[in-house]
Amino acid sequence: MMKFIASTLDAAKAKAHRALGEKTVIISVRNLPSGDVEVTASDKPSPAAPTPAPKASFAGAARDAVDEGPFKMGAGARLSDSIEAKFSADALSRLSSKLSGGKSSRGINMSDVTVRAMAEILAPHGIGESLLAALVDGARKSDIDEDLYRLETGFRETFVFAPMVFSPTSPIMLVGPTGAGKTSTAAKLAAAAQANGSKATMITADVGRAGAIDQIKAYGEALHAEYFITESPLDVAQILRSHKPQGAVVFDTPGVSPFDSADIAALRSYREAANAEPVLVLPASGDADEYVDWAMAFKEIGVRRCILTKFDATKRVGAGLRAAFEGELALAHFSETPFISEGLLTATPEFLARRLIASRPGPISR
């Protein structure tokens, strides 16, 4: 069931019919203290969450060994060892050439054994010269001369780690490109709030994407969370004014282009209507230069933190990290599973260090 709020009963019913189609069934009508009308509607007797598909054997999906944590390599990580080895060697060779001199090298000496060991781990992930230099600088502060601890120190010194704190007065508005995983991230945030004993309210403006309404319905029903469909910033303001949600408020927005002035204007309007913090959602892997452009553009509408998703579907995670670094965005959470029940991971330098070492491209011993 979904709830729709409007100033009149007919307007609320019209919203329900636009969202749910011809099979819309009005379950209940409630007059709110604000004078608005709340309609609860459904297009089926008992909407339910889809049955999850079996887990894939992506690197990072298996969790059956404590000593390997979430980074045990599955069969999917061993498809082309020779190709992976060549990619790793080529990436390091190119990076070594770039860092042998020039302003961007920041004084990195690739003949230094420690620096080269760091570069061998990081370069294949496509993190870029500036982030590599920053991580190497930070790693020098490690008290323990070992790859894992150096990486942990490097990430701790380079990034700000700032997980979400839920408050009904500070809604979280997820923004980003189509396919980044915003809707599933919204459900995971709601699940995390409930796991901490808080209520959760989900709001979505992503009504144009095929299957989006069914997806939010399934998540809302599975989590027993209240969820609302919005068509405009006015709807968002009306929902928050009339519903007065308690606990976490998570607002999912459509995928937009940060280079389209109309899209950005719409996001600004939604942010102002909800008085929300916009948080960028990006996949961990992709076109690094494009991601940096997105991070810079979304920063202009007030984004200060990001959530990196799809760690389970890739080995190389440098694109998302580089975007966060160059966009000066704090890391809030990571997602390494498509399953809502397993939630989001709090972003930590320990996770990143283990993840990059465990998924190091190259030959895998058997």
Protein backbone atom coordinates (compact mmCIF):
# COMPACT_ATOMS: atom_id res chain seq x y z
CA MET A 1 0.00 0.00 0.00
CA MET A 2 1.07 3.56 -0.69
CA LYS A 3 -0.02 6.86 0.76
CA PHE A 4 -0.85 10.02 -1.15
CA ILE A 5 -1.45 13.45 0.39
CA ALA A 6 -3.25 16.34 -1.28
CA SER A 7 -5.38 19.30 -0.34
CA THR A 8 -8.61 17.55 -1.41
CA LEU A 9 -9.86 13.98 -1.59
CA ASP A 10 -10.24 14.09 -5.39
CA ALA A 11 -6.68 15.38 -5.80
CA ALA A 12 -5.29 12.64 -3.54
CA LYS A 13 -7.24 9.97 -5.45
CA ALA A 14 -5.98 11.39 -8.74
CA LYS A 15 -2.38 11.06 -7.53
CA ALA A 16 -3.03 7.45 -6.56
CA HIS A 17 -4.52 6.63 -9.97
CA ARG A 18 -1.61 8.29 -11.81
CA ALA A 19 0.88 6.25 -9.80
CA LEU A 20 -0.91 2.89 -9.68
CA GLY A 21 -2.99 2.81 -12.84
CA GLU A 22 -6.40 1.33 -13.58
CA LYS A 23 -6.23 -1.32 -10.84
CA THR A 24 -6.04 1.28 -8.08
CA VAL A 25 -8.01 0.35 -4.97
CA ILE A 26 -8.56 3.00 -2.30
CA ILE A 27 -7.94 1.33 1.07
CA SER A 28 -8.60 4.22 3.41
CA VAL A 29 -9.07 7.97 3.60
CA ARG A 30 -7.91 10.11 6.50
CA ASN A 31 -8.40 13.81 7.21
CA LEU A 32 -5.17 15.26 8.58
CA PRO A 33 -4.88 18.00 11.22
CA SER A 34 -3.32 20.25 8.59
CA GLY A 35 -6.53 20.14 6.56
CA ASP A 36 -5.03 17.91 3.89
CA VAL A 37 -6.39 14.50 2.94
CA GLU A 38 -4.35 11.29 3.07
CA VAL A 39 -5.37 8.40 0.82
CA THR A 40 -3.96 4.90 1.25
CA ALA A 41 -4.16 2.91 -1.99
CA SER A 42 -2.94 -0.27 -3.63
CA ASP A 43 -3.13 -1.98 -7.00
CA LYS A 44 -3.11 -5.48 -5.52
CA PRO A 45 -4.35 -7.10 -2.33
CA SER A 46 -0.93 -7.66 -0.80
CA PRO A 47 2.13 -6.26 -2.55
CA ALA A 48 5.26 -8.05 -1.53
CA ALA A 49 8.97 -7.79 -2.10
CA PRO A 50 10.39 -9.87 -4.96
CA THR A 51 12.19 -13.05 -4.06
CA PRO A 52 15.94 -12.33 -4.18
CA ALA A 53 17.94 -14.14 -6.80
CA PRO A 54 20.79 -16.39 -5.65
CA LYS A 55 23.93 -14.46 -4.81
CA ALA A 56 26.46 -14.14 -7.58
CA SER A 57 30.08 -15.05 -7.06
CA PHE A 58 31.43 -11.55 -7.42
CA ALA A 59 34.61 -10.67 -5.61
CA GLY A 60 33.44 -9.67 -2.18
CA ALA A 61 30.13 -11.55 -2.21
CA ALA A 62 31.20 -14.56 -0.14
CA ARG A 63 31.27 -14.18 3.63
CA ASP A 64 31.89 -17.67 4.93
CA ALA A 65 35.41 -17.22 6.31
CA VAL A 66 36.10 -14.86 9.16
CA ASP A 67 39.75 -14.39 8.37
CA GLU A 68 38.92 -13.25 4.83
CA GLY A 69 35.92 -11.16 5.86
CA PRO A 70 33.83 -9.85 2.99
CA PHE A 71 36.69 -10.05 0.53
CA LYS A 72 37.01 -13.74 -0.30
CA MET A 73 37.44 -14.08 -4.05
CA GLY A 74 34.71 -16.00 -5.84
CA ALA A 75 34.93 -17.85 -9.12
CA GLY A 76 33.95 -14.71 -10.98
CA ALA A 77 37.21 -13.07 -9.99
CA ARG A 78 39.36 -15.65 -11.80
CA LEU A 79 38.12 -15.44 -15.36
CA SER A 80 41.19 -14.05 -17.07
CA ASP A 81 44.26 -14.14 -14.87
CA SER A 82 46.65 -13.38 -17.71
CA ILE A 83 44.61 -10.39 -18.84
CA GLU A 84 44.39 -9.10 -15.27
CA ALA A 85 48.14 -9.48 -14.83
CA LYS A 86 48.81 -7.57 -18.03
CA PHE A 87 46.39 -4.82 -17.04
CA SER A 88 48.09 -4.47 -13.66
CA ALA A 89 51.58 -4.32 -15.18
CA ASP A 90 50.54 -1.84 -17.88
CA ALA A 91 48.79 0.43 -15.37
CA LEU A 92 51.81 0.50 -13.10
CA SER A 93 54.14 1.14 -16.03
CA ARG A 94 52.05 4.09 -17.23
CA LEU A 95 51.80 5.52 -13.74
CA SER A 96 55.51 5.12 -13.09
CA SER A 97 56.23 7.06 -16.27
CA LYS A 98 53.83 9.86 -15.29
CA LEU A 99 55.16 10.15 -11.76
CA SER A 100 58.82 10.17 -12.69
CA GLY A 101 58.60 13.95 -12.88
CA GLY A 102 56.28 16.88 -13.32
CA LYS A 103 54.13 18.99 -11.02
CA SER A 104 51.47 16.34 -10.43
CA SER A 105 53.96 13.90 -8.92
CA ARG A 106 54.20 15.87 -5.66
CA GLY A 107 57.69 14.47 -5.16
CA ILE A 108 56.81 10.75 -5.40
CA ASN A 109 59.93 8.66 -5.86
CA MET A 110 58.95 5.48 -7.70
CA SER A 111 62.34 3.94 -6.91
CA ASP A 112 61.35 3.88 -3.21
CA VAL A 113 60.39 0.30 -2.31
CA THR A 114 57.49 1.35 -0.10
CA VAL A 115 56.09 3.77 -2.66
CA ARG A 116 56.32 1.20 -5.42
CA ALA A 117 54.55 -1.39 -3.27
CA MET A 118 51.71 1.08 -2.71
CA ALA A 119 51.54 1.91 -6.42
CA GLU A 120 51.37 -1.79 -7.34
CA ILE A 121 48.26 -2.13 -5.21
CA LEU A 122 46.58 1.14 -6.14
CA ALA A 123 47.46 1.87 -9.77
CA PRO A 124 45.33 -0.90 -11.35
CA HIS A 125 42.24 0.55 -9.65
CA GLY A 126 42.53 3.70 -11.75
CA ILE A 127 42.65 6.08 -8.80
CA GLY A 128 44.63 8.71 -10.66
CA GLU A 129 47.89 10.51 -9.90
CA SER A 130 46.61 13.06 -7.39
CA LEU A 131 44.86 10.54 -5.17
CA LEU A 132 47.80 8.16 -5.34
CA ALA A 133 50.12 10.95 -4.24
CA ALA A 134 47.82 11.86 -1.36
CA LEU A 135 47.55 8.24 -0.22
CA VAL A 136 51.31 7.77 -0.35
CA ASP A 137 51.81 10.94 1.67
CA GLY A 138 49.32 9.72 4.25
CA ALA A 139 50.76 6.21 4.35
CA ARG A 140 54.12 7.58 5.46
CA LYS A 141 52.50 8.23 8.85
CA SER A 142 51.82 4.54 9.45
CA ASP A 143 53.43 3.14 12.60
CA ILE A 144 53.54 -0.36 11.08
CA ASP A 145 55.61 -1.10 7.97
CA GLU A 146 53.12 -3.40 6.23
CA ASP A 147 50.91 -2.92 3.17
CA LEU A 148 47.56 -3.23 4.94
CA TYR A 149 48.42 -0.78 7.72
CA ARG A 150 50.02 1.68 5.32
CA LEU A 151 46.89 1.68 3.20
CA GLU A 152 44.62 2.10 6.21
CA THR A 153 46.68 5.08 7.34
CA GLY A 154 46.74 6.53 3.84
CA PHE A 155 42.94 6.39 3.53
CA ARG A 156 42.45 7.74 7.06
CA GLU A 157 44.70 10.72 6.34
CA THR A 158 43.25 11.39 2.89
CA PHE A 159 39.47 11.09 3.30
CA VAL A 160 36.84 12.27 5.75
CA PHE A 161 34.60 9.41 6.89
CA ALA A 162 31.12 10.62 7.90
CA PRO A 163 28.29 8.04 8.14
CA MET A 164 24.65 9.12 8.20
CA VAL A 165 22.93 10.21 11.41
CA PHE A 166 19.16 9.98 11.07
CA SER A 167 16.85 12.79 12.13
CA PRO A 168 13.27 13.63 11.09
CA THR A 169 14.28 17.27 10.83
CA SER A 170 17.14 16.50 8.43
CA PRO A 171 15.86 14.29 5.58
CA ILE A 172 18.46 12.54 3.43
CA MET A 173 17.97 13.22 -0.28
CA LEU A 174 19.77 10.78 -2.57
CA VAL A 175 20.95 12.22 -5.89
CA GLY A 176 23.03 10.87 -8.73
CA PRO A 177 22.99 9.32 -12.19
CA THR A 178 20.50 6.71 -13.36
CA GLY A 179 21.57 3.20 -12.39
CA ALA A 180 23.73 4.22 -9.45
CA GLY A 181 21.52 2.31 -7.00
CA LYS A 182 19.73 5.22 -5.32
CA THR A 183 16.43 3.40 -4.70
CA SER A 184 18.03 0.31 -3.19
CA THR A 185 20.30 2.59 -1.15
CA ALA A 186 17.21 4.41 0.15
CA ALA A 187 15.75 1.08 1.26
CA LYS A 188 19.02 0.10 2.93
CA LEU A 189 19.14 3.39 4.82
CA ALA A 190 15.55 2.86 5.97
CA ALA A 191 16.43 -0.67 7.07
CA ALA A 192 19.46 0.63 8.97
CA ALA A 193 17.30 3.17 10.80
CA GLN A 194 14.81 0.47 11.76
CA ALA A 195 17.60 -1.81 12.95
CA ASN A 196 18.60 0.98 15.34
CA GLY A 197 15.08 1.14 16.74
CA SER A 198 13.92 4.13 14.71
CA LYS A 199 10.97 4.55 12.39
CA ALA A 200 11.58 5.15 8.70
CA THR A 201 9.67 7.09 6.06
CA MET A 202 10.54 6.71 2.39
CA ILE A 203 9.65 9.32 -0.22
CA THR A 204 10.31 8.96 -3.92
CA ALA A 205 10.08 11.36 -6.83
CA ASP A 206 11.40 8.70 -9.21
CA VAL A 207 8.04 8.00 -10.84
CA GLY A 208 9.04 8.19 -14.50
CA ARG A 209 11.48 5.28 -14.59
CA ALA A 210 10.04 1.95 -15.70
CA GLY A 211 9.35 -0.25 -12.69
CA ALA A 212 10.28 2.46 -10.18
CA ILE A 213 6.91 2.52 -8.44
CA ASP A 214 6.79 -1.27 -8.16
CA GLN A 215 10.30 -1.21 -6.71
CA ILE A 216 9.53 1.34 -4.00
CA LYS A 217 6.28 -0.49 -3.19
CA ALA A 218 8.14 -3.76 -2.75
CA TYR A 219 10.79 -2.19 -0.53
CA GLY A 220 8.25 -0.30 1.55
CA GLU A 221 6.09 -3.37 2.12
CA ALA A 222 9.06 -5.58 2.92
CA LEU A 223 10.39 -3.08 5.46
CA HIS A 224 6.96 -2.16 6.86
CA ALA A 225 7.99 1.44 6.30
CA GLU A 226 5.69 4.27 5.29
CA TYR A 227 6.36 5.40 1.78
CA PHE A 228 5.02 8.21 -0.39
CA ILE A 229 5.03 8.96 -4.11
CA THR A 230 5.64 12.61 -5.03
CA GLU A 231 5.12 14.48 -8.26
CA SER A 232 6.47 17.88 -7.33
CA PRO A 233 8.39 19.77 -4.62
CA LEU A 234 5.01 20.98 -3.35
CA ASP A 235 4.06 17.34 -2.69
CA VAL A 236 7.20 16.84 -0.60
CA ALA A 237 6.53 19.90 1.54
CA GLN A 238 2.92 18.81 1.99
CA ILE A 239 3.90 15.29 3.05
CA LEU A 240 6.40 16.49 5.62
CA ARG A 241 4.01 19.14 6.97
CA SER A 242 1.01 16.83 7.25
CA HIS A 243 2.63 13.51 8.07
CA LYS A 244 5.17 14.84 10.58
CA PRO A 245 7.42 11.75 10.19
CA GLN A 246 9.40 10.35 13.08
CA GLY A 247 12.85 8.85 12.78
CA ALA A 248 14.64 8.62 9.43
CA VAL A 249 13.31 10.35 6.32
CA VAL A 250 14.91 9.11 3.10
CA PHE A 251 14.06 10.87 -0.15
CA ASP A 252 14.87 9.13 -3.44
CA THR A 253 15.16 11.31 -6.55
CA PRO A 254 15.24 10.41 -10.26
CA GLY A 255 18.53 9.94 -12.04
CA VAL A 256 19.46 13.27 -13.62
CA SER A 257 22.20 14.88 -15.62
CA PRO A 258 24.16 17.34 -13.47
CA PHE A 259 24.88 19.28 -16.66
CA ASP A 260 21.20 19.93 -17.44
CA SER A 261 20.15 23.24 -15.90
CA ALA A 262 16.51 22.15 -15.69
CA ASP A 263 17.43 18.96 -13.82
CA ILE A 264 19.60 20.87 -11.38
CA ALA A 265 16.88 23.46 -10.83
CA ALA A 266 14.41 20.67 -10.05
CA LEU A 267 16.80 19.09 -7.55
CA ARG A 268 17.32 22.44 -5.86
CA SER A 269 13.56 22.85 -5.55
CA TYR A 270 13.16 19.40 -4.03
CA ARG A 271 16.03 20.01 -1.62
CA GLU A 272 14.55 23.29 -0.47
CA ALA A 273 11.05 21.82 -0.13
CA ALA A 274 12.33 18.97 2.04
CA ASN A 275 15.03 20.99 3.81
CA ALA A 276 17.15 17.94 3.05
CA GLU A 277 20.83 17.12 2.79
CA PRO A 278 21.65 15.97 -0.75
CA VAL A 279 23.93 12.93 -0.76
CA LEU A 280 25.57 11.71 -3.97
CA VAL A 281 25.25 8.02 -4.85
CA LEU A 282 27.85 6.67 -7.28
CA PRO A 283 28.89 3.17 -8.34
CA ALA A 284 32.40 2.31 -7.19
CA SER A 285 33.55 1.59 -10.75
CA GLY A 286 33.02 3.46 -13.99
CA ASP A 287 34.40 6.30 -16.05
CA ALA A 288 36.61 8.13 -13.55
CA ASP A 289 36.75 11.42 -15.45
CA GLU A 290 32.96 11.43 -15.83
CA TYR A 291 32.53 10.66 -12.13
CA VAL A 292 34.78 13.56 -11.19
CA ASP A 293 32.68 15.87 -13.37
CA TRP A 294 29.52 14.60 -11.65
CA ALA A 295 30.99 15.07 -8.19
CA MET A 296 31.99 18.65 -9.01
CA ALA A 297 28.59 19.45 -10.52
CA PHE A 298 26.52 17.94 -7.69
CA LYS A 299 28.73 19.72 -5.19
CA GLU A 300 27.25 22.95 -6.54
CA ILE A 301 23.80 22.01 -5.18
CA GLY A 302 25.14 21.33 -1.71
CA VAL A 303 26.40 17.74 -1.84
CA ARG A 304 29.06 17.17 0.83
CA ARG A 305 28.93 13.40 1.28
CA CYS A 306 28.70 10.38 -0.99
CA ILE A 307 27.73 6.72 -0.87
CA LEU A 308 29.63 4.33 -3.16
CA THR A 309 27.68 1.32 -4.38
CA LYS A 310 28.21 -1.93 -6.28
CA PHE A 311 31.48 -2.95 -4.63
CA ASP A 312 30.32 -6.53 -5.21
CA ALA A 313 30.20 -6.16 -8.98
CA THR A 314 33.72 -4.95 -9.70
CA LYS A 315 37.35 -5.38 -8.78
CA ARG A 316 38.47 -1.85 -9.55
CA VAL A 317 36.98 0.81 -7.31
CA GLY A 318 39.18 3.78 -8.07
CA ALA A 319 36.64 5.80 -10.08
CA GLY A 320 34.29 6.40 -7.16
CA LEU A 321 37.15 7.10 -4.77
CA ARG A 322 38.79 9.53 -7.16
CA ALA A 323 35.49 11.40 -7.62
CA ALA A 324 35.06 11.71 -3.85
CA PHE A 325 38.65 12.88 -3.43
CA GLU A 326 38.67 15.46 -6.21
CA GLY A 327 35.16 16.63 -5.31
CA GLU A 328 36.21 16.91 -1.64
CA LEU A 329 33.28 14.73 -0.57
CA ALA A 330 33.23 12.79 2.67
CA LEU A 331 32.66 9.03 2.42
CA ALA A 332 29.49 7.99 4.25
CA HIS A 333 28.69 4.38 3.35
CA PHE A 334 29.57 1.57 0.95
CA SER A 335 27.31 -1.04 -0.60
CA GLU A 336 28.70 -4.42 -1.59
CA THR A 337 25.51 -6.45 -1.93
CA PRO A 338 22.22 -6.09 -3.82
CA PHE A 339 20.31 -7.50 -0.86
CA ILE A 340 18.44 -4.94 1.24
CA SER A 341 18.54 -7.06 4.38
CA GLU A 342 22.34 -6.90 4.45
CA GLY A 343 22.29 -3.12 4.36
CA LEU A 344 25.07 -0.61 3.90
CA LEU A 345 28.54 -0.69 5.36
CA THR A 346 29.82 2.27 7.30
CA ALA A 347 32.68 3.76 5.29
CA THR A 348 36.00 3.10 7.02
CA PRO A 349 39.67 3.18 6.02
CA GLU A 350 39.98 -0.43 7.22
CA PHE A 351 37.37 -1.63 4.72
CA LEU A 352 39.00 0.22 1.84
CA ALA A 353 42.48 -1.08 2.63
CA ARG A 354 41.31 -4.69 2.84
CA ARG A 355 39.10 -4.34 -0.22
CA LEU A 356 41.86 -2.99 -2.44
CA ILE A 357 44.40 -5.55 -1.30
CA ALA A 358 41.98 -8.49 -1.54
CA SER A 359 40.80 -7.55 -5.03
CA ARG A 360 44.27 -6.68 -6.36
CA PRO A 361 44.21 -7.44 -10.10
CA GLY A 362 46.72 -10.04 -11.15
CA PRO A 363 47.35 -13.78 -11.01
CA ILE A 364 45.44 -15.50 -8.21
CA SER A 365 47.18 -18.35 -6.47
CA ARG A 366 45.30 -21.62 -6.30
